[in-house]
């Protein structure tokens, strides 16, 4: 069975948009193959652990509609799904590697390691462990461990040969073993590093496809060797290109909003956000820009993913979100706006005003700026009101029937009699009623607002 996963770390505010992008691809691959998509929480970095982050991650995935078959909240056949609850497993396999001579105890202090790296820097050498503890006999190391000396367990990598693996996106990739570092597998506090944890968990949870960001390519040969040392079959690997800012820099919170919750709070629709993420590094074979995730599932193939770094452009996302707003049925969009604003606007008025503003909207958050005047009189007018044209328009409306054609005729006729340009009178009425010079169609807005409320707003 095809089994894919994401393994986010609860070290941030929420689900990173890059993790959402990777989650989408994993979800689509699983769904296309009638497989399972799993969430595993990698919470072994206790120094960066953020309380509540796991809940936010799961909530954001649920909001996006990326549903999982197994996870920390739903359970499953390979429970537990939090690494902090699986420590005995990592210790077991790390010790097994030591017995096989594929790993060793390292007793180097942080001070010694810092001094070692400082020397490597000064000699312009790559920062790698120098193997001092690798030279100790197994008996010497066992005595030191028995005596309670603090230690870690390091992977013992060969100095010769090449490690090769096939990437479903990039083809064959090879690394010279002599350039690989003897990675720490198990830390002195009993927690695994990413490298041991990910291999043990992916194997035990029978993950068939490891689909992750390209920043993990350089770590993959160590993982491949770990699989081989433990006598396990390799999963399939696919490394997705990283999302980039428009200036080609790596997407980061210093330059762009990166948390999924921010996009939700700004009024982006989950369907639009997923659609946009789907277009990162992959193009629909029919050259569609707007498509559902079910449509993506039908035609997606990892071999079609491009390796060029995709540009995450918020303005392009805003455009796409606007397209989704306009293709959403008004009855559904009315409810989405009502919920987005926590029920402060009544649904009947939302339904009446939507046709007037939806063409201008790109996010749910823009409804307030476009239609807020229907619910609350403007506190300021920009520019300041002009008395003469406002009086002309007000008198015309006071005597007019309350429909578009009658109001337009009355205002134009009154403007002509007063020797004023009709456009100036219309503009003054717009500013008095809405507080702004731009907005939805004026006369249609007055029809919704009603005669009594309109006259109250334009009475000086």
Protein backbone atom coordinates (compact mmCIF):
# COMPACT_ATOMS: atom_id res chain seq x y z
CA UNK A 1 0.00 0.00 0.00
CA UNK A 2 1.11 3.54 -0.72
CA UNK A 3 1.66 5.30 2.60
CA UNK A 4 2.85 8.90 2.72
CA UNK A 5 3.37 11.25 5.64
CA UNK A 6 4.39 14.64 6.86
CA UNK A 7 6.27 14.97 10.11
CA UNK A 8 6.07 18.59 11.26
CA UNK A 9 7.93 19.82 14.33
CA UNK A 10 5.89 21.76 16.92
CA UNK A 11 8.53 24.48 17.08
CA UNK A 12 6.65 27.37 15.51
CA UNK A 13 3.49 29.39 15.73
CA UNK A 14 1.55 27.12 13.40
CA UNK A 15 1.83 25.07 10.20
CA UNK A 16 4.41 26.64 7.86
CA UNK A 17 3.11 27.33 4.35
CA UNK A 18 6.01 25.25 3.01
CA UNK A 19 4.87 22.31 5.13
CA UNK A 20 1.33 22.80 3.81
CA UNK A 21 2.73 22.59 0.26
CA UNK A 22 4.56 19.34 1.08
CA UNK A 23 1.51 17.98 2.91
CA UNK A 24 -0.64 18.61 -0.16
CA UNK A 25 1.66 16.59 -2.43
CA UNK A 26 1.86 13.73 0.08
CA UNK A 27 -1.93 13.76 0.43
CA UNK A 28 -2.48 13.75 -3.35
CA UNK A 29 -0.03 10.88 -3.93
CA UNK A 30 -1.74 8.80 -1.24
CA UNK A 31 -5.23 9.58 -2.52
CA UNK A 32 -4.30 8.91 -6.15
CA UNK A 33 -3.07 5.45 -5.18
CA UNK A 34 -5.90 4.72 -2.72
CA UNK A 35 -3.33 4.74 0.05
CA UNK A 36 -2.96 6.37 3.46
CA UNK A 37 -1.71 9.81 4.46
CA UNK A 38 -0.21 9.97 7.96
CA UNK A 39 0.75 12.77 10.32
CA UNK A 40 3.62 12.17 12.72
CA UNK A 41 4.77 14.83 15.17
CA UNK A 42 8.56 15.15 15.44
CA UNK A 43 8.82 16.75 18.85
CA UNK A 44 12.29 15.64 19.90
CA UNK A 45 13.86 19.10 19.68
CA UNK A 46 12.88 20.06 23.21
CA UNK A 47 14.85 23.33 23.19
CA UNK A 48 12.60 24.76 20.45
CA UNK A 49 9.33 23.08 21.49
CA UNK A 50 6.35 25.47 21.50
CA UNK A 51 3.38 24.58 23.69
CA UNK A 52 0.15 24.42 21.66
CA UNK A 53 1.96 24.28 18.30
CA UNK A 54 0.81 20.72 17.59
CA UNK A 55 -2.85 21.71 18.03
CA UNK A 56 -2.42 24.66 15.67
CA UNK A 57 -0.74 22.45 13.07
CA UNK A 58 -3.58 19.92 13.14
CA UNK A 59 -6.19 22.67 13.08
CA UNK A 60 -4.62 24.30 10.02
CA UNK A 61 -4.45 21.00 8.14
CA UNK A 62 -8.11 20.37 8.94
CA UNK A 63 -9.03 23.89 7.75
CA UNK A 64 -7.19 23.27 4.48
CA UNK A 65 -9.07 20.02 4.00
CA UNK A 66 -5.94 17.85 4.06
CA UNK A 67 -7.33 14.94 6.02
CA UNK A 68 -5.18 12.17 7.47
CA UNK A 69 -5.84 8.49 8.07
CA UNK A 70 -3.53 8.16 11.09
CA UNK A 71 -2.04 10.66 13.48
CA UNK A 72 -1.60 11.81 17.07
CA UNK A 73 -5.23 12.90 17.31
CA UNK A 74 -6.84 9.94 15.52
CA UNK A 75 -4.48 7.10 16.45
CA UNK A 76 -3.84 4.17 14.14
CA UNK A 77 -2.08 0.82 13.92
CA UNK A 78 1.40 2.29 14.49
CA UNK A 79 0.69 4.40 17.54
CA UNK A 80 2.10 6.47 19.16
CA UNK A 81 2.49 9.17 16.51
CA UNK A 82 4.59 11.54 18.62
CA UNK A 83 8.32 10.87 18.67
CA UNK A 84 8.66 11.90 22.32
CA UNK A 85 6.50 8.85 23.14
CA UNK A 86 8.70 6.46 21.13
CA UNK A 87 12.09 6.96 22.84
CA UNK A 88 12.58 3.30 23.77
CA UNK A 89 12.43 2.36 20.09
CA UNK A 90 15.21 4.75 19.11
CA UNK A 91 17.43 3.55 21.95
CA UNK A 92 16.85 -0.05 20.91
CA UNK A 93 17.95 0.49 17.32
CA UNK A 94 20.84 2.79 18.21
CA UNK A 95 22.21 0.14 20.57
CA UNK A 96 21.70 -2.48 17.88
CA UNK A 97 23.86 -0.44 15.51
CA UNK A 98 26.58 -0.17 18.17
CA UNK A 99 26.60 -3.96 18.57
CA UNK A 100 26.95 -4.34 14.80
CA UNK A 101 29.84 -1.88 14.71
CA UNK A 102 27.76 0.52 12.59
CA UNK A 103 27.63 3.12 15.35
CA UNK A 104 29.75 4.03 18.36
CA UNK A 105 29.66 5.87 21.68
CA UNK A 106 31.09 9.38 21.59
CA UNK A 107 32.21 11.06 24.83
CA UNK A 108 33.42 14.38 23.39
CA UNK A 109 32.37 17.41 25.43
CA UNK A 110 30.72 20.43 23.81
CA UNK A 111 33.93 22.36 24.55
CA UNK A 112 36.08 19.87 22.67
CA UNK A 113 33.71 19.84 19.70
CA UNK A 114 33.70 23.65 19.59
CA UNK A 115 37.50 23.71 19.63
CA UNK A 116 37.59 21.05 16.90
CA UNK A 117 35.28 23.07 14.64
CA UNK A 118 37.25 26.23 15.28
CA UNK A 119 40.40 24.49 14.08
CA UNK A 120 38.62 23.14 10.99
CA UNK A 121 37.40 26.64 10.16
CA UNK A 122 40.89 28.08 10.44
CA UNK A 123 42.18 25.38 8.07
CA UNK A 124 39.20 25.89 5.71
CA UNK A 125 38.09 22.29 6.20
CA UNK A 126 34.46 21.13 6.13
CA UNK A 127 32.92 20.92 9.63
CA UNK A 128 32.88 17.17 10.38
CA UNK A 129 33.47 15.05 13.44
CA UNK A 130 37.13 13.99 13.51
CA UNK A 131 36.42 10.46 14.66
CA UNK A 132 38.39 10.53 17.89
CA UNK A 133 35.93 8.29 19.80
CA UNK A 134 35.61 5.97 16.83
CA UNK A 135 39.13 4.75 17.60
CA UNK A 136 38.18 3.45 21.06
CA UNK A 137 37.63 -0.28 21.38
CA UNK A 138 34.10 -1.46 22.07
CA UNK A 139 35.27 -2.69 25.47
CA UNK A 140 36.77 0.71 26.39
CA UNK A 141 33.58 2.49 25.39
CA UNK A 142 31.38 0.01 27.28
CA UNK A 143 33.33 0.60 30.49
CA UNK A 144 32.97 4.37 30.18
CA UNK A 145 29.21 4.03 29.54
CA UNK A 146 28.87 1.69 32.53
CA UNK A 147 30.68 4.25 34.69
CA UNK A 148 28.00 6.79 33.84
CA UNK A 149 30.09 9.01 31.58
CA UNK A 150 27.90 11.26 29.47
CA UNK A 151 27.83 10.23 25.83
CA UNK A 152 25.98 10.25 22.53
CA UNK A 153 25.76 7.55 19.89
CA UNK A 154 27.21 8.39 16.46
CA UNK A 155 26.72 6.71 13.12
CA UNK A 156 29.91 5.06 11.86
CA UNK A 157 30.15 5.83 8.17
CA UNK A 158 32.57 4.23 5.70
CA UNK A 159 35.46 6.34 4.43
CA UNK A 160 35.31 4.82 0.96
CA UNK A 161 32.75 4.19 -1.72
CA UNK A 162 29.67 6.00 -2.93
CA UNK A 163 26.09 5.99 -1.66
CA UNK A 164 23.52 6.20 -4.44
CA UNK A 165 19.74 6.61 -4.36
CA UNK A 166 17.06 7.37 -6.94
CA UNK A 167 14.89 10.43 -6.53
CA UNK A 168 11.50 10.24 -8.27
CA UNK A 169 11.82 13.92 -9.24
CA UNK A 170 15.57 14.33 -9.80
CA UNK A 171 16.78 10.92 -10.93
CA UNK A 172 19.91 9.22 -9.59
CA UNK A 173 21.85 11.11 -6.91
CA UNK A 174 25.19 9.97 -5.48
CA UNK A 175 27.42 11.08 -2.61
CA UNK A 176 31.00 10.14 -1.80
CA UNK A 177 31.01 8.51 1.62
CA UNK A 178 34.22 10.24 2.68
CA UNK A 179 32.34 13.56 2.55
CA UNK A 180 29.61 12.38 4.95
CA UNK A 181 29.80 13.19 8.65
CA UNK A 182 29.49 10.65 11.46
CA UNK A 183 26.10 11.97 12.47
CA UNK A 184 24.86 11.90 16.06
CA UNK A 185 21.96 9.42 16.22
CA UNK A 186 21.02 9.44 19.89
CA UNK A 187 21.64 12.47 22.10
CA UNK A 188 22.85 12.31 25.68
CA UNK A 189 19.30 12.98 26.96
CA UNK A 190 17.98 9.87 25.20
CA UNK A 191 16.20 11.79 22.44
CA UNK A 192 17.03 10.88 18.83
CA UNK A 193 18.27 13.31 16.23
CA UNK A 194 16.14 13.76 13.14
CA UNK A 195 18.21 11.21 11.23
CA UNK A 196 17.63 8.23 13.51
CA UNK A 197 14.04 9.17 14.37
CA UNK A 198 12.91 9.60 10.79
CA UNK A 199 14.40 6.33 9.55
CA UNK A 200 13.10 4.23 12.44
CA UNK A 201 9.61 5.74 12.29
CA UNK A 202 9.28 5.65 8.51
CA UNK A 203 10.26 1.99 8.48
CA UNK A 204 8.09 0.91 11.40
CA UNK A 205 5.12 2.89 10.06
CA UNK A 206 5.63 1.30 6.62
CA UNK A 207 5.94 4.63 4.81
CA UNK A 208 6.36 3.87 1.12
CA UNK A 209 7.15 7.36 -0.21
CA UNK A 210 9.33 9.96 1.51
CA UNK A 211 8.20 13.22 -0.10
CA UNK A 212 9.90 16.19 1.53
CA UNK A 213 11.77 19.42 0.81
CA UNK A 214 15.01 19.51 -1.13
CA UNK A 215 16.91 20.74 1.95
CA UNK A 216 16.98 17.08 3.07
CA UNK A 217 18.81 15.78 -0.03
CA UNK A 218 22.21 16.04 1.65
CA UNK A 219 20.92 14.00 4.61
CA UNK A 220 19.44 11.23 2.48
CA UNK A 221 22.67 9.22 1.96
CA UNK A 222 22.99 8.91 5.76
CA UNK A 223 19.40 7.68 5.86
CA UNK A 224 20.04 5.23 3.02
CA UNK A 225 23.03 3.81 4.90
CA UNK A 226 20.96 3.53 8.07
CA UNK A 227 18.33 1.51 6.20
CA UNK A 228 21.07 -0.73 4.82
CA UNK A 229 22.80 -1.15 8.20
CA UNK A 230 19.50 -2.15 9.82
CA UNK A 231 18.68 -4.55 6.99
CA UNK A 232 15.57 -2.71 5.89
CA UNK A 233 14.27 -2.09 2.36
CA UNK A 234 14.44 1.48 1.09
CA UNK A 235 11.35 3.64 0.60
CA UNK A 236 10.94 5.77 -2.51
CA UNK A 237 12.36 9.30 -2.26
CA UNK A 238 11.11 12.54 -3.83
CA UNK A 239 12.54 15.92 -2.86
CA UNK A 240 10.35 18.91 -3.65
CA UNK A 241 11.88 22.28 -4.56
CA UNK A 242 11.61 24.90 -1.84
CA UNK A 243 9.20 27.81 -2.11
CA UNK A 244 10.93 31.13 -2.79
CA UNK A 245 10.14 34.81 -2.33
CA UNK A 246 9.80 36.91 -5.51
CA UNK A 247 13.45 37.94 -5.02
CA UNK A 248 14.40 34.22 -5.19
CA UNK A 249 15.37 34.08 -1.51
CA UNK A 250 14.09 31.19 0.61
CA UNK A 251 10.56 31.79 1.88
CA UNK A 252 10.93 32.93 5.47
CA UNK A 253 8.97 34.80 8.11
CA UNK A 254 11.42 37.70 7.86
CA UNK A 255 10.14 38.56 4.39
CA UNK A 256 6.69 37.05 4.04
CA UNK A 257 3.84 35.68 6.14
CA UNK A 258 4.62 31.96 6.42
CA UNK A 259 1.98 30.60 8.81
CA UNK A 260 -1.21 29.07 7.39
CA UNK A 261 -3.21 30.77 10.15
CA UNK A 262 -2.21 34.19 8.75
CA UNK A 263 -3.80 33.35 5.39
CA UNK A 264 -6.92 32.16 7.15
CA UNK A 265 -7.11 35.36 9.22
CA UNK A 266 -6.69 37.47 6.08
CA UNK A 267 -9.74 35.87 4.47
CA UNK A 268 -8.18 33.49 1.97
CA UNK A 269 -10.29 30.45 1.13
CA UNK A 270 -8.69 27.05 1.84
CA UNK A 271 -9.59 25.80 -1.66
CA UNK A 272 -7.84 28.77 -3.26
CA UNK A 273 -4.75 28.40 -1.09
CA UNK A 274 -4.49 24.69 -1.92
CA UNK A 275 -5.02 25.37 -5.62
CA UNK A 276 -2.25 27.96 -5.59
CA UNK A 277 0.13 25.67 -3.70
CA UNK A 278 -0.63 22.96 -6.26
CA UNK A 279 0.72 25.21 -9.01
CA UNK A 280 4.06 25.53 -7.22
CA UNK A 281 6.58 23.35 -9.14
CA UNK A 282 3.80 21.49 -10.99
CA UNK A 283 1.54 22.46 -13.87
CA UNK A 284 -1.80 20.92 -14.74
CA UNK A 285 -1.32 19.00 -18.04
CA UNK A 286 -4.36 20.79 -19.51
CA UNK A 287 -2.75 24.15 -18.59
CA UNK A 288 -5.54 24.94 -16.13
CA UNK A 289 -4.81 27.48 -13.43
CA UNK A 290 -8.04 26.96 -11.49
CA UNK A 291 -8.71 23.36 -10.49
CA UNK A 292 -9.87 21.35 -7.49
CA UNK A 293 -7.71 18.96 -5.52
CA UNK A 294 -9.82 16.07 -6.85
CA UNK A 295 -8.92 17.22 -10.36
CA UNK A 296 -5.26 17.34 -9.32
CA UNK A 297 -5.46 13.78 -7.97
CA UNK A 298 -6.64 12.53 -11.38
CA UNK A 299 -3.60 13.79 -13.31
CA UNK A 300 -0.77 14.33 -10.82
CA UNK A 301 2.52 12.46 -11.17
CA UNK A 302 5.68 13.10 -9.16
CA UNK A 303 7.79 12.77 -12.31
CA UNK A 304 6.11 15.94 -13.65
CA UNK A 305 7.33 18.08 -10.72
CA UNK A 306 9.83 20.71 -11.83
CA UNK A 307 13.05 21.23 -9.90
CA UNK A 308 13.12 24.99 -10.54
CA UNK A 309 12.43 26.90 -7.33
CA UNK A 310 8.78 28.04 -7.41
CA UNK A 311 8.01 31.68 -6.58
CA UNK A 312 5.34 32.18 -3.94
CA UNK A 313 3.66 35.45 -4.94
CA UNK A 314 0.96 36.69 -2.58
CA UNK A 315 -0.49 38.96 -5.27
CA UNK A 316 -0.98 35.96 -7.56
CA UNK A 317 -2.62 34.15 -4.66
CA UNK A 318 -4.90 37.16 -4.08
CA UNK A 319 -5.94 37.05 -7.73
CA UNK A 320 -6.71 33.34 -7.51
CA UNK A 321 -8.63 33.80 -4.28
CA UNK A 322 -10.76 36.46 -5.97
CA UNK A 323 -11.56 34.00 -8.74
CA UNK A 324 -12.69 31.47 -6.13
CA UNK A 325 -14.88 34.07 -4.40
CA UNK A 326 -16.64 34.82 -7.67
CA UNK A 327 -17.25 31.19 -8.52
CA UNK A 328 -18.64 30.42 -5.05
CA UNK A 329 -22.43 30.37 -4.82
CA UNK A 330 -23.72 33.49 -3.09
CA UNK A 331 -25.53 31.44 -0.48
CA UNK A 332 -22.29 29.73 0.54
CA UNK A 333 -20.22 32.91 0.29
CA UNK A 334 -22.78 34.73 2.45
CA UNK A 335 -22.24 32.14 5.19
CA UNK A 336 -18.45 32.32 4.81
CA UNK A 337 -18.50 36.09 5.26
CA UNK A 338 -20.91 35.83 8.21
CA UNK A 339 -18.59 33.30 9.90
CA UNK A 340 -15.42 35.22 9.02
CA UNK A 341 -16.75 38.31 10.84
CA UNK A 342 -18.07 36.24 13.75
CA UNK A 343 -21.70 37.13 13.06
CA UNK A 344 -21.41 40.92 13.47
CA UNK A 345 -23.08 41.48 10.09
CA UNK A 346 -26.57 40.12 9.49
CA UNK A 347 -26.87 37.51 6.77
CA UNK A 348 -29.78 39.12 4.92
CA UNK A 349 -27.84 42.34 4.33
CA UNK A 350 -24.74 40.36 3.36
CA UNK A 351 -26.81 38.51 0.77
CA UNK A 352 -28.17 41.79 -0.68
CA UNK A 353 -24.78 43.49 -0.82
CA UNK A 354 -22.66 40.62 -2.14
CA UNK A 355 -23.63 41.08 -5.81
CA UNK A 356 -22.49 44.72 -5.51
CA UNK A 357 -19.03 44.05 -4.08
CA UNK A 358 -17.94 40.52 -4.98
CA UNK A 359 -16.39 41.57 -8.30
CA UNK A 360 -14.00 43.83 -6.41
CA UNK A 361 -13.15 41.38 -3.60
CA UNK A 362 -9.99 39.30 -3.49
CA UNK A 363 -10.30 38.13 0.13
CA UNK A 364 -13.07 37.84 2.69
CA UNK A 365 -11.30 40.53 4.71
CA UNK A 366 -11.99 43.06 1.93
CA UNK A 367 -15.74 42.80 2.43
CA UNK A 368 -15.59 45.20 5.37
CA UNK A 369 -13.77 47.93 3.44
CA UNK A 370 -16.13 47.59 0.48
CA UNK A 371 -19.45 47.02 2.24
CA UNK A 372 -18.95 48.20 5.81
CA UNK A 373 -20.93 51.38 5.15
CA UNK A 374 -24.10 49.32 4.72
CA UNK A 375 -23.90 48.46 8.42
CA UNK A 376 -22.39 51.58 9.93
CA UNK A 377 -22.49 55.25 8.96
CA UNK A 378 -19.10 56.64 7.98
CA UNK A 379 -17.38 58.55 10.78
CA UNK A 380 -15.27 60.54 8.33
CA UNK A 381 -15.67 61.72 4.77
CA UNK A 382 -12.72 61.82 2.41
CA UNK A 383 -12.69 64.35 0.82
CA UNK A 384 -14.79 66.70 3.02
CA UNK A 385 -18.37 67.16 1.89
CA UNK A 386 -19.41 70.05 -0.39
CA UNK A 387 -22.70 71.61 0.62
CA UNK A 388 -24.16 72.80 -2.70
CA UNK A 389 -24.03 69.60 -4.80
CA UNK A 390 -25.07 67.53 -1.77
CA UNK A 391 -28.19 69.67 -1.28
CA UNK A 392 -29.09 69.29 -4.95
CA UNK A 393 -28.68 65.51 -4.81
CA UNK A 394 -30.46 65.20 -1.48
CA UNK A 395 -33.52 67.12 -2.63
CA UNK A 396 -33.70 65.05 -5.82
CA UNK A 397 -33.60 61.81 -3.85
CA UNK A 398 -36.15 63.05 -1.32
CA UNK A 399 -38.71 63.49 -4.11
CA UNK A 400 -37.74 60.41 -6.13
CA UNK A 401 -39.19 56.94 -6.23
CA UNK A 402 -36.70 54.48 -4.72
CA UNK A 403 -35.38 52.54 -7.69
CA UNK A 404 -32.28 52.87 -9.84
CA UNK A 405 -33.82 54.46 -12.94
CA UNK A 406 -36.02 56.92 -11.04
CA UNK A 407 -33.11 58.07 -8.84
CA UNK A 408 -30.75 58.50 -11.77
CA UNK A 409 -33.31 60.53 -13.71
CA UNK A 410 -34.11 62.73 -10.69
CA UNK A 411 -30.43 63.47 -9.92
CA UNK A 412 -29.54 64.27 -13.52
CA UNK A 413 -32.56 66.53 -13.92
CA UNK A 414 -31.88 68.38 -10.64
CA UNK A 415 -28.19 68.80 -11.53
CA UNK A 416 -29.04 70.33 -14.88
CA UNK A 417 -31.51 72.77 -13.30
CA UNK A 418 -28.87 73.82 -10.74
CA UNK A 419 -26.24 74.29 -13.43
CA UNK A 420 -24.03 71.56 -11.99
CA UNK A 421 -22.35 68.56 -13.55
CA UNK A 422 -24.25 65.39 -12.69
CA UNK A 423 -20.98 63.52 -12.02
CA UNK A 424 -20.12 66.01 -9.26
CA UNK A 425 -23.50 65.51 -7.60
CA UNK A 426 -23.21 61.72 -7.84
CA UNK A 427 -19.72 61.89 -6.31
CA UNK A 428 -20.89 64.04 -3.42
CA UNK A 429 -23.72 61.64 -2.68
CA UNK A 430 -21.24 58.73 -2.76
CA UNK A 431 -18.90 60.40 -0.26
CA UNK A 432 -21.80 61.33 2.04
CA UNK A 433 -23.24 57.82 2.04
CA UNK A 434 -20.05 55.69 1.98
CA UNK A 435 -17.35 58.06 3.26
CA UNK A 436 -15.21 57.32 0.17
CA UNK A 437 -14.89 58.34 -3.46
CA UNK A 438 -14.76 54.73 -4.72
CA UNK A 439 -16.94 51.76 -3.93
CA UNK A 440 -19.74 49.59 -5.26
CA UNK A 441 -22.32 50.97 -7.74
CA UNK A 442 -23.93 53.97 -6.02
CA UNK A 443 -27.59 53.74 -6.95
CA UNK A 444 -27.77 49.98 -6.39
CA UNK A 445 -26.19 50.62 -2.99
CA UNK A 446 -28.82 53.25 -2.17
CA UNK A 447 -31.56 50.77 -3.06
CA UNK A 448 -30.14 48.32 -0.47
CA UNK A 449 -29.49 51.04 2.11
CA UNK A 450 -33.05 52.33 1.90
CA UNK A 451 -34.50 55.81 1.49
CA UNK A 452 -34.74 56.78 5.15
CA UNK A 453 -31.15 55.85 5.99
CA UNK A 454 -29.80 57.45 2.81
CA UNK A 455 -31.56 60.76 3.51
CA UNK A 456 -30.28 60.75 7.09
CA UNK A 457 -26.72 60.43 5.80
CA UNK A 458 -26.94 63.23 3.28
CA UNK A 459 -28.79 65.70 5.48
CA UNK A 460 -26.35 68.41 6.55
